Protein backbone atom coordinates (compact mmCIF):
# COMPACT_ATOMS: atom_id res chain seq x y z
CA MET A 1 26.83 138.06 116.98
CA SER A 2 30.16 136.50 117.82
CA ASP A 3 30.74 135.46 114.44
CA ILE A 4 28.48 134.67 111.14
CA LYS A 5 28.48 130.51 110.39
CA VAL A 6 28.67 130.48 106.61
CA GLY A 7 27.01 127.22 104.76
CA LEU A 8 28.39 127.07 101.22
CA ILE A 9 26.20 125.57 98.64
CA GLY A 10 28.65 124.63 95.71
CA TYR A 11 32.44 123.89 95.74
CA LYS A 12 34.08 124.54 92.12
CA PHE A 13 34.68 128.25 90.78
CA MET A 14 32.37 130.16 93.01
CA GLY A 15 32.85 127.66 95.67
CA LYS A 16 36.44 128.64 95.62
CA ALA A 17 36.15 132.34 95.07
CA HIS A 18 33.92 132.89 98.05
CA THR A 19 35.93 130.89 100.12
CA GLN A 20 38.70 132.96 99.90
CA ALA A 21 36.50 135.89 100.22
CA TYR A 22 35.68 135.01 103.71
CA ARG A 23 38.92 134.36 104.88
CA ASN A 24 40.26 137.64 103.12
CA THR A 25 37.34 139.47 104.68
CA ASN A 26 38.20 138.11 108.31
CA PHE A 27 42.56 138.85 107.59
CA TYR A 28 41.83 142.05 105.91
CA PHE A 29 38.64 143.65 107.01
CA GLU A 30 38.41 142.82 110.71
CA PRO A 31 34.75 142.68 110.55
CA GLN A 32 32.83 142.82 113.78
CA ALA A 33 31.47 139.63 113.37
CA PRO A 34 34.09 137.11 111.29
CA TYR A 35 33.18 134.25 109.12
CA GLN A 36 33.42 130.61 110.08
CA LEU A 37 33.57 128.41 107.47
CA LYS A 38 31.44 125.69 109.02
CA VAL A 39 30.26 123.68 105.99
CA ILE A 40 30.65 123.14 102.30
CA CYS A 41 28.19 120.86 100.15
CA GLY A 42 28.11 119.26 96.96
CA ARG A 43 26.81 116.02 95.16
CA ASN A 44 29.96 114.44 94.65
CA GLU A 45 30.94 112.96 98.28
CA LYS A 46 34.52 112.49 97.10
CA SER A 47 34.91 115.83 95.57
CA VAL A 48 33.14 117.80 98.16
CA LYS A 49 35.27 116.32 101.09
CA SER A 50 38.43 116.69 99.18
CA ALA A 51 37.05 120.52 98.63
CA ALA A 52 36.16 120.89 102.16
CA HIS A 53 39.96 119.54 103.22
CA THR A 54 41.64 122.23 100.62
CA TYR A 55 39.88 125.03 101.45
CA GLY A 56 40.05 124.93 104.98
CA TRP A 57 35.69 124.00 106.12
CA GLU A 58 34.94 122.57 109.17
CA SER A 59 32.72 119.87 107.72
CA TYR A 60 31.12 118.99 104.62
CA GLU A 61 27.26 117.68 103.18
CA THR A 62 26.27 116.30 100.31
CA ASP A 63 22.88 117.37 100.47
CA TRP A 64 21.85 121.31 100.50
CA ARG A 65 18.61 120.63 103.00
CA SER A 66 20.87 118.94 105.46
CA VAL A 67 22.99 122.08 105.37
CA ILE A 68 19.87 124.40 106.02
CA GLU A 69 18.55 122.32 108.59
CA ARG A 70 21.93 122.86 110.86
CA ASP A 71 21.34 125.16 113.82
CA ASP A 72 24.73 126.22 113.77
CA ILE A 73 24.46 127.99 110.18
CA ASP A 74 23.67 131.78 109.73
CA LEU A 75 24.50 132.30 106.23
CA ILE A 76 23.51 130.53 103.42
CA ASP A 77 25.58 130.91 100.13
CA ILE A 78 24.31 129.54 96.92
CA GLY A 79 27.00 129.14 94.13
CA THR A 80 25.23 126.41 92.33
CA PRO A 81 23.66 126.10 88.73
CA SER A 82 20.81 128.75 88.77
CA ASN A 83 18.13 126.10 88.52
CA THR A 84 18.85 125.41 92.15
CA HIS A 85 18.67 128.94 93.40
CA LYS A 86 15.02 129.43 93.90
CA ASP A 87 14.48 126.23 95.97
CA ILE A 88 17.66 126.90 98.10
CA ALA A 89 16.82 130.42 99.02
CA ILE A 90 13.49 129.99 99.55
CA ALA A 91 14.15 127.01 101.70
CA ALA A 92 16.90 128.91 103.35
CA ALA A 93 14.80 131.90 104.28
CA LYS A 94 11.89 129.85 105.90
CA ALA A 95 14.95 128.63 108.12
CA GLY A 96 15.51 131.99 108.94
CA LYS A 97 18.99 132.08 107.17
CA HIS A 98 20.94 135.07 105.71
CA VAL A 99 21.28 134.17 101.80
CA LEU A 100 23.83 135.18 99.42
CA THR A 101 23.12 133.63 95.83
CA GLU A 102 25.13 133.92 92.58
CA LYS A 103 24.09 135.61 89.52
CA PRO A 104 21.65 135.31 87.54
CA MET A 105 19.16 135.39 90.16
CA ALA A 106 16.76 132.63 89.05
CA LEU A 107 15.36 131.23 85.94
CA SER A 108 12.52 133.52 85.46
CA VAL A 109 10.77 136.79 86.68
CA SER A 110 8.29 134.69 88.67
CA ASP A 111 10.89 132.54 90.47
CA ALA A 112 13.01 135.83 91.31
CA LYS A 113 9.66 137.38 92.63
CA GLU A 114 8.88 134.02 94.86
CA MET A 115 12.80 134.44 96.24
CA LEU A 116 12.31 137.94 96.90
CA GLN A 117 8.85 137.65 98.80
CA ALA A 118 10.35 134.69 101.09
CA VAL A 119 13.38 136.56 102.17
CA THR A 120 11.00 139.77 102.96
CA GLU A 121 8.78 137.78 104.69
CA ALA A 122 11.76 136.21 106.66
CA GLY A 123 13.08 139.42 107.49
CA VAL A 124 16.84 137.97 106.70
CA GLN A 125 19.69 139.77 104.85
CA HIS A 126 19.78 139.11 100.95
CA MET A 127 22.11 139.47 98.44
CA VAL A 128 22.82 138.75 94.61
CA SER A 129 26.47 138.28 93.64
CA PHE A 130 26.88 140.93 91.03
CA ASN A 131 30.95 141.42 92.37
CA TYR A 132 31.42 143.78 89.79
CA ARG A 133 29.91 146.38 91.49
CA ARG A 134 32.90 146.01 94.07
CA ILE A 135 35.60 147.14 91.72
CA PRO A 136 36.75 150.22 93.21
CA ALA A 137 36.88 151.88 89.50
CA ILE A 138 33.15 151.22 89.55
CA ALA A 139 32.74 152.66 92.79
CA LEU A 140 34.43 155.99 91.31
CA ALA A 141 32.53 155.78 88.21
CA LYS A 142 28.85 155.64 90.70
CA ARG A 143 30.75 158.73 92.10
CA LEU A 144 31.59 160.85 89.35
CA LEU A 145 28.32 160.36 88.32
CA SER A 146 26.35 161.02 91.17
CA GLU A 147 28.86 164.22 91.28
CA GLY A 148 27.21 165.36 88.18
CA ARG A 149 30.66 165.42 86.63
CA ILE A 150 29.10 164.38 83.49
CA GLY A 151 26.02 166.06 83.12
CA ASP A 152 23.12 164.56 81.93
CA VAL A 153 23.75 160.88 80.60
CA TYR A 154 22.82 160.14 77.15
CA HIS A 155 24.63 156.98 75.94
CA ILE A 156 26.08 153.69 77.68
CA ARG A 157 27.19 150.89 75.62
CA ALA A 158 28.66 148.10 77.03
CA HIS A 159 29.80 144.98 75.88
CA TYR A 160 31.00 141.31 77.81
CA LEU A 161 32.77 138.86 75.43
CA GLN A 162 34.65 135.35 76.06
CA ASP A 163 35.64 132.84 73.81
CA TRP A 164 35.29 129.90 75.59
CA LEU A 165 32.91 128.09 72.93
CA ALA A 166 34.28 129.42 69.80
CA ASP A 167 35.58 125.80 69.03
CA PRO A 168 32.53 123.83 67.72
CA GLN A 169 34.04 120.42 69.18
CA SER A 170 33.90 122.22 72.66
CA PRO A 171 32.19 119.31 74.76
CA PHE A 172 28.48 120.05 76.12
CA ALA A 173 28.85 121.63 79.44
CA TRP A 174 25.56 122.76 81.98
CA ARG A 175 25.43 126.23 81.07
CA LEU A 176 24.36 125.09 77.50
CA ASP A 177 20.97 123.76 78.79
CA LYS A 178 17.98 126.30 79.31
CA ASN A 179 16.38 123.98 81.88
CA VAL A 180 19.64 124.48 83.86
CA ALA A 181 20.87 127.63 83.15
CA GLY A 182 17.89 129.49 81.89
CA SER A 183 19.64 131.40 79.39
CA GLY A 184 23.13 131.17 77.84
CA ALA A 185 25.53 134.37 76.96
CA HIS A 186 22.29 136.75 78.13
CA GLY A 187 22.11 135.04 81.63
CA ASP A 188 25.76 134.59 82.03
CA LEU A 189 27.24 137.65 80.68
CA ASN A 190 24.64 140.31 80.22
CA ALA A 191 23.36 139.74 83.80
CA HIS A 192 26.71 141.53 84.96
CA ILE A 193 26.64 144.79 82.55
CA VAL A 194 22.50 145.09 82.86
CA ASP A 195 23.17 145.10 86.83
CA LEU A 196 26.07 147.82 86.11
CA ALA A 197 24.20 149.82 83.85
CA ARG A 198 21.13 150.18 86.70
CA TYR A 199 23.64 150.77 89.10
CA LEU A 200 25.47 153.95 87.16
CA VAL A 201 22.61 155.24 84.70
CA GLY A 202 19.55 153.95 86.40
CA GLU A 203 15.84 151.90 85.28
CA PHE A 204 15.25 150.48 81.85
CA ALA A 205 12.36 151.60 80.07
CA GLU A 206 12.25 149.53 77.28
CA VAL A 207 14.52 147.43 75.19
CA ILE A 208 14.78 145.44 71.73
CA GLY A 209 17.00 142.54 70.81
CA LEU A 210 18.37 139.58 68.81
CA SER A 211 20.15 136.09 69.89
CA GLU A 212 21.60 133.51 68.06
CA THR A 213 22.91 130.37 68.28
CA PHE A 214 25.69 129.31 66.04
CA VAL A 215 26.58 125.79 67.18
CA LYS A 216 23.30 123.90 67.29
CA GLU A 217 24.86 120.42 69.09
CA ARG A 218 27.59 119.81 70.92
CA PRO A 219 29.77 116.29 72.02
CA VAL A 220 29.15 114.78 74.96
CA ASP A 221 32.10 113.80 77.01
CA SER A 222 30.77 110.70 78.28
CA ASP A 223 29.84 108.77 74.86
CA GLU A 224 30.41 109.45 71.50
CA GLY A 225 26.71 111.26 70.64
CA LYS A 226 25.71 114.88 70.86
CA ARG A 227 23.54 116.78 72.69
CA ASP A 228 21.36 120.07 71.78
CA VAL A 229 22.36 123.17 72.64
CA THR A 230 19.20 124.92 74.11
CA VAL A 231 20.34 128.38 74.77
CA ASP A 232 21.79 131.64 72.84
CA ASP A 233 25.60 132.02 72.07
CA THR A 234 25.01 135.56 71.85
CA THR A 235 22.54 138.02 72.84
CA LEU A 236 22.69 142.19 71.74
CA PHE A 237 19.97 144.36 72.62
CA MET A 238 19.19 148.24 72.58
CA ALA A 239 17.35 149.80 75.59
CA ARG A 240 15.84 153.26 76.44
CA PHE A 241 16.38 154.06 80.22
CA ASP A 242 13.65 156.16 82.45
CA ASN A 243 15.75 159.32 82.36
CA GLY A 244 15.83 159.30 78.69
CA ALA A 245 19.38 157.91 78.42
CA VAL A 246 19.82 154.92 75.28
CA GLY A 247 21.72 151.93 75.49
CA SER A 248 23.54 148.99 73.77
CA PHE A 249 24.57 145.95 74.90
CA GLU A 250 26.24 143.01 73.64
CA ALA A 251 27.24 139.07 75.12
CA THR A 252 28.93 136.36 73.43
CA ARG A 253 31.02 133.72 74.20
CA TYR A 254 32.29 133.14 70.32
CA ALA A 255 34.56 136.36 70.44
CA THR A 256 37.77 134.53 69.08
CA GLY A 257 40.65 136.32 71.29
CA ARG A 258 38.75 137.33 74.07
CA LYS A 259 38.72 135.88 77.21
CA ASN A 260 36.79 137.91 79.61
CA LYS A 261 36.71 141.16 78.29
CA LYS A 262 33.93 143.59 80.02
CA TYR A 263 33.92 147.09 78.72
CA ILE A 264 31.34 150.19 79.95
CA GLU A 265 31.35 153.64 77.79
CA ILE A 266 28.98 156.52 79.60
CA ASN A 267 28.77 159.46 77.66
CA GLY A 268 26.94 162.75 78.99
CA SER A 269 26.69 166.42 78.42
CA GLY A 270 29.43 167.19 80.09
CA GLY A 271 32.43 164.57 79.81
CA SER A 272 32.53 160.67 79.67
CA ILE A 273 33.32 157.46 81.58
CA VAL A 274 35.45 154.55 80.09
CA PHE A 275 35.97 151.63 81.90
CA ASP A 276 37.51 148.33 80.78
CA PHE A 277 37.84 145.06 83.02
CA LYS A 278 41.53 144.39 81.60
CA SER A 279 42.76 148.05 83.51
CA MET A 280 40.46 147.36 86.42
CA ASN A 281 42.80 149.34 88.54
CA GLU A 282 42.09 152.39 86.51
CA LEU A 283 39.36 154.57 85.03
CA GLN A 284 39.24 156.90 82.17
CA PHE A 285 37.56 160.56 82.67
CA PHE A 286 36.57 163.18 79.99
CA SER A 287 35.83 166.46 81.03
CA ASN A 288 34.49 169.48 78.86
CA GLU A 289 35.47 171.51 81.72
CA ASP A 290 38.89 171.53 81.36
CA GLU A 291 40.62 173.81 78.98
CA GLU A 292 40.59 173.34 75.65
CA HIS A 293 44.18 172.78 74.94
CA ILE A 294 44.53 170.20 77.41
CA GLN A 295 40.84 168.43 76.89
CA GLY A 296 41.44 164.40 76.77
CA TYR A 297 40.88 161.44 78.23
CA LYS A 298 42.46 161.13 81.46
CA THR A 299 43.74 157.63 83.24
CA ILE A 300 42.79 157.74 86.80
CA LEU A 301 44.89 154.96 88.90
CA VAL A 302 42.36 153.82 91.66
CA THR A 303 44.60 152.66 94.52
CA GLU A 304 44.49 155.82 96.90
CA PRO A 305 43.55 154.38 100.27
CA ASP A 306 41.85 157.37 100.85
CA ALA A 307 40.07 158.67 98.25
CA HIS A 308 38.89 155.39 96.55
CA ASP A 309 36.59 152.73 97.86
CA TYR A 310 38.08 149.80 100.02
CA MET A 311 41.44 150.38 99.03
CA LYS A 312 42.27 151.31 102.87
CA ALA A 313 42.18 147.33 103.69
CA TRP A 314 44.76 146.68 100.94
CA TRP A 315 48.43 147.93 99.74
CA PRO A 316 50.11 151.11 99.63
CA PRO A 317 49.40 153.58 96.41
CA GLY A 318 49.93 152.06 93.11
CA HIS A 319 50.05 148.52 94.34
CA LEU A 320 47.25 146.73 92.20
CA ILE A 321 44.25 144.59 93.33
CA GLY A 322 42.51 142.25 91.14
CA TYR A 323 39.36 140.08 90.55
CA GLU A 324 39.34 138.06 93.61
CA HIS A 325 39.39 141.24 95.73
CA THR A 326 35.82 142.04 94.48
CA PHE A 327 34.39 139.26 96.21
CA THR A 328 36.25 140.15 99.41
CA HIS A 329 34.60 143.47 99.18
CA GLN A 330 31.44 141.70 98.59
CA ALA A 331 31.72 139.52 101.61
CA ASN A 332 32.77 142.47 103.74
CA ASP A 333 29.75 144.57 103.06
CA LEU A 334 27.34 141.63 103.87
CA ALA A 335 29.30 141.15 107.14
CA ASN A 336 28.52 145.02 107.91
CA ALA A 337 25.19 144.44 106.84
CA ILE A 338 24.49 141.37 109.07
CA THR A 339 26.06 142.64 111.76
CA ARG A 340 24.77 146.23 111.75
CA GLU A 341 20.88 144.91 110.27
CA HIS A 342 20.86 147.46 107.35
CA PRO A 343 20.19 146.85 103.82
CA VAL A 344 22.99 145.44 101.71
CA TYR A 345 22.94 145.81 98.01
CA PRO A 346 22.81 144.63 95.30
CA ASN A 347 19.79 142.56 96.80
CA PHE A 348 17.16 140.27 95.71
CA GLU A 349 14.96 143.16 94.20
CA ASP A 350 18.10 144.47 92.22
CA GLY A 351 18.40 140.76 91.19
CA LEU A 352 14.64 140.61 90.13
CA ARG A 353 14.85 144.00 88.30
CA CYS A 354 18.02 142.58 86.26
CA GLN A 355 15.72 139.53 85.65
CA GLN A 356 12.84 141.71 84.19
CA VAL A 357 15.34 143.37 81.87
CA LEU A 358 16.91 139.78 80.76
CA GLU A 359 13.45 138.39 80.60
CA ALA A 360 12.29 141.64 78.47
CA VAL A 361 14.72 141.36 76.00
CA GLU A 362 14.29 137.41 75.28
CA ASN A 363 10.43 138.35 75.19
CA SER A 364 11.42 140.88 72.65
CA VAL A 365 13.70 138.22 70.56
CA LYS A 366 10.71 136.08 69.72
CA THR A 367 8.37 139.26 69.15
CA ARG A 368 11.06 141.52 67.13
CA THR A 369 9.64 144.53 68.58
CA TRP A 370 10.56 146.78 71.57
CA GLU A 371 9.29 145.44 74.82
CA ILE A 372 8.59 147.28 78.05
CA VAL A 373 10.53 146.45 80.93
CA GLU A 374 8.00 145.47 83.95
CA LYS A 375 8.32 147.06 87.24
CA SER A 376 6.16 145.20 89.56
CA ASN A 377 6.92 143.01 92.53
CA ASP A 378 3.63 141.73 92.41
């Protein structure tokens, strides 16, 4: 393969992030098969035409089906609202295209299963954009856990806090419509920390949760009316894992003063690991093996090119990277998988596993009991 020709569906927040990632991958990682920005797609012709020009795409389309039908496309990148993921992904797989989709992967477990079946039968590469796995500090946390540096894992506590809906007069958006988004803070934010928990700790066994919608309706920009909010504003849950660990998780869009706070702490028999996204180039590590008089959390600056994943492509030690770099790392890993024909993670099976956890929590909110997390692909 001389290059990887991309068709990107969606051109706003994630469209811009993914576009930059493809460009940065070509420039900094020099993959065997560089990305070629062939076509970007959106429903509003004026806006998507402008995005194509601004971002540097060769062409644009207003119908995603037209993108999939093109013979000059190898990869379909889905950055649209959640209710569109299933149809686009399945059509892309049937057309023999590799597929990258934003999270959450689907509106339901059943939809996620159909998507996984489609890409598996087609034999194409498939990936879910849980980009926080590509933070070098998270990669280091994974390594320390794999090496047994904190012993047996006992606890994980994680929260993802935002405040963009704390004002009751904030206007209605598609993320507040269950038919489009699937869920609120739960699918948008908990999905990320659920994926990181699976990546770092292991599979979920059972969950119990609660959720709340604080503001039941929101003003609509286009007129003086209001629309009902049909998703959760916050969802919290506790979990037990297959390996005996326990966890607590919280997602909210009402944590006033918290713009994008993501925090994970993992405690084990021999130590602890702490990651806070606001200091994404750092990992805190505590070890019981240190002598008592020097015990304490050490802060590791995760910028050493020869010691920390992904850093060889960037700057000298101590020079920091940011949020956008996680998408570049993701794009580079996907390019390598496509070129070398080896699996890439997190894939659609990981997306399904995450969806099964999310759905078990939603069921628990309704039943007010512990719910077993399904693990079957059938």
